[in-house]
Protein backbone atom coordinates (compact mmCIF):
# COMPACT_ATOMS: atom_id res chain seq x y z
CA UNK A 1 3.98 11.51 10.60
CA UNK A 2 2.43 9.96 13.68
CA UNK A 3 4.63 6.88 14.01
CA UNK A 4 3.81 3.59 15.75
CA UNK A 5 0.52 3.08 17.60
CA UNK A 6 -1.35 0.13 19.13
CA UNK A 7 -3.90 0.42 16.33
CA UNK A 8 -1.21 0.05 13.60
CA UNK A 9 0.38 -3.11 12.19
CA UNK A 10 3.79 -2.59 10.61
CA UNK A 11 4.23 -4.28 7.23
CA UNK A 12 7.74 -5.63 6.92
CA UNK A 13 9.89 -5.53 3.80
CA UNK A 14 8.00 -2.76 1.99
CA UNK A 15 10.10 -1.20 -0.74
CA UNK A 16 9.18 2.18 -2.21
CA UNK A 17 10.46 3.52 -5.52
CA UNK A 18 10.03 6.71 -7.52
CA UNK A 19 9.67 5.15 -10.97
CA UNK A 20 10.92 7.38 -13.76
CA UNK A 21 9.70 7.27 -17.34
CA UNK A 22 11.43 4.27 -18.88
CA UNK A 23 10.67 2.75 -22.28
CA UNK A 24 12.49 -0.46 -21.30
CA UNK A 25 9.98 -1.19 -18.50
CA UNK A 26 7.00 0.42 -20.23
CA UNK A 27 6.75 3.21 -17.65
CA UNK A 28 5.28 6.19 -19.52
CA UNK A 29 4.74 8.50 -16.55
CA UNK A 30 6.62 9.16 -13.33
CA UNK A 31 4.87 7.39 -10.45
CA UNK A 32 5.49 5.80 -7.05
CA UNK A 33 5.68 2.01 -6.62
CA UNK A 34 5.11 0.46 -3.19
CA UNK A 35 6.14 -3.17 -3.37
CA UNK A 36 5.14 -5.52 -0.54
CA UNK A 37 3.50 -8.92 -1.05
CA UNK A 38 0.72 -8.52 1.56
CA UNK A 39 -0.60 -5.38 -0.13
CA UNK A 40 -2.03 -7.47 -3.00
CA UNK A 41 -4.23 -9.24 -0.45
CA UNK A 42 -5.89 -5.85 0.16
CA UNK A 43 -5.61 -4.05 -3.18
CA UNK A 44 -5.75 -6.53 -6.04
CA UNK A 45 -3.88 -5.93 -9.31
CA UNK A 46 -5.62 -3.33 -11.51
CA UNK A 47 -7.87 -2.05 -8.67
CA UNK A 48 -7.87 1.69 -7.95
CA UNK A 49 -8.07 3.51 -4.67
CA UNK A 50 -7.70 7.01 -3.26
CA UNK A 51 -4.36 8.48 -2.23
CA UNK A 52 -3.73 11.80 -0.50
CA UNK A 53 -0.73 13.51 0.97
CA UNK A 54 -0.45 13.87 4.74
CA UNK A 55 2.14 15.35 7.03
CA UNK A 56 5.18 13.08 6.76
CA UNK A 57 3.85 10.74 4.06
CA UNK A 58 0.76 9.59 2.18
CA UNK A 59 -2.61 8.06 3.05
CA UNK A 60 -4.17 5.28 0.97
CA UNK A 61 -7.94 5.14 1.39
CA UNK A 62 -9.58 1.74 0.96
CA UNK A 63 -12.91 0.94 -0.69
CA UNK A 64 -15.33 -1.28 1.24
CA UNK A 65 -14.23 -4.50 -0.50
CA UNK A 66 -10.60 -3.62 0.23
CA UNK A 67 -11.43 -2.91 3.87
CA UNK A 68 -12.94 -6.39 4.21
CA UNK A 69 -9.80 -7.95 2.74
CA UNK A 70 -7.66 -5.79 5.04
CA UNK A 71 -9.60 -7.09 8.05
CA UNK A 72 -8.86 -10.67 6.96
CA UNK A 73 -5.17 -9.86 6.54
CA UNK A 74 -5.09 -8.20 9.98
CA UNK A 75 -6.52 -11.37 11.54
CA UNK A 76 -3.91 -13.47 9.75
CA UNK A 77 -1.02 -11.18 10.77
CA UNK A 78 -2.16 -11.00 14.39
CA UNK A 79 -2.12 -14.81 14.62
CA UNK A 80 1.49 -15.03 13.45
């Protein structure tokens, strides 16, 4: 884990869950949920991306369209 850096923007209020199999919620496989409203501005519902483990956490790779949306979100966050 590398921690804070000038080139990183911290997303506030992210909540991470390990979601167990649960017929009441429709969860059929164990998976990880990362819930944070700004993430849907980058990765839209039902889009897929690449995820890999890294020392101290995980890395989510972004496709070109997602990178463009991330750049727009960065501009918006830097203004506020």
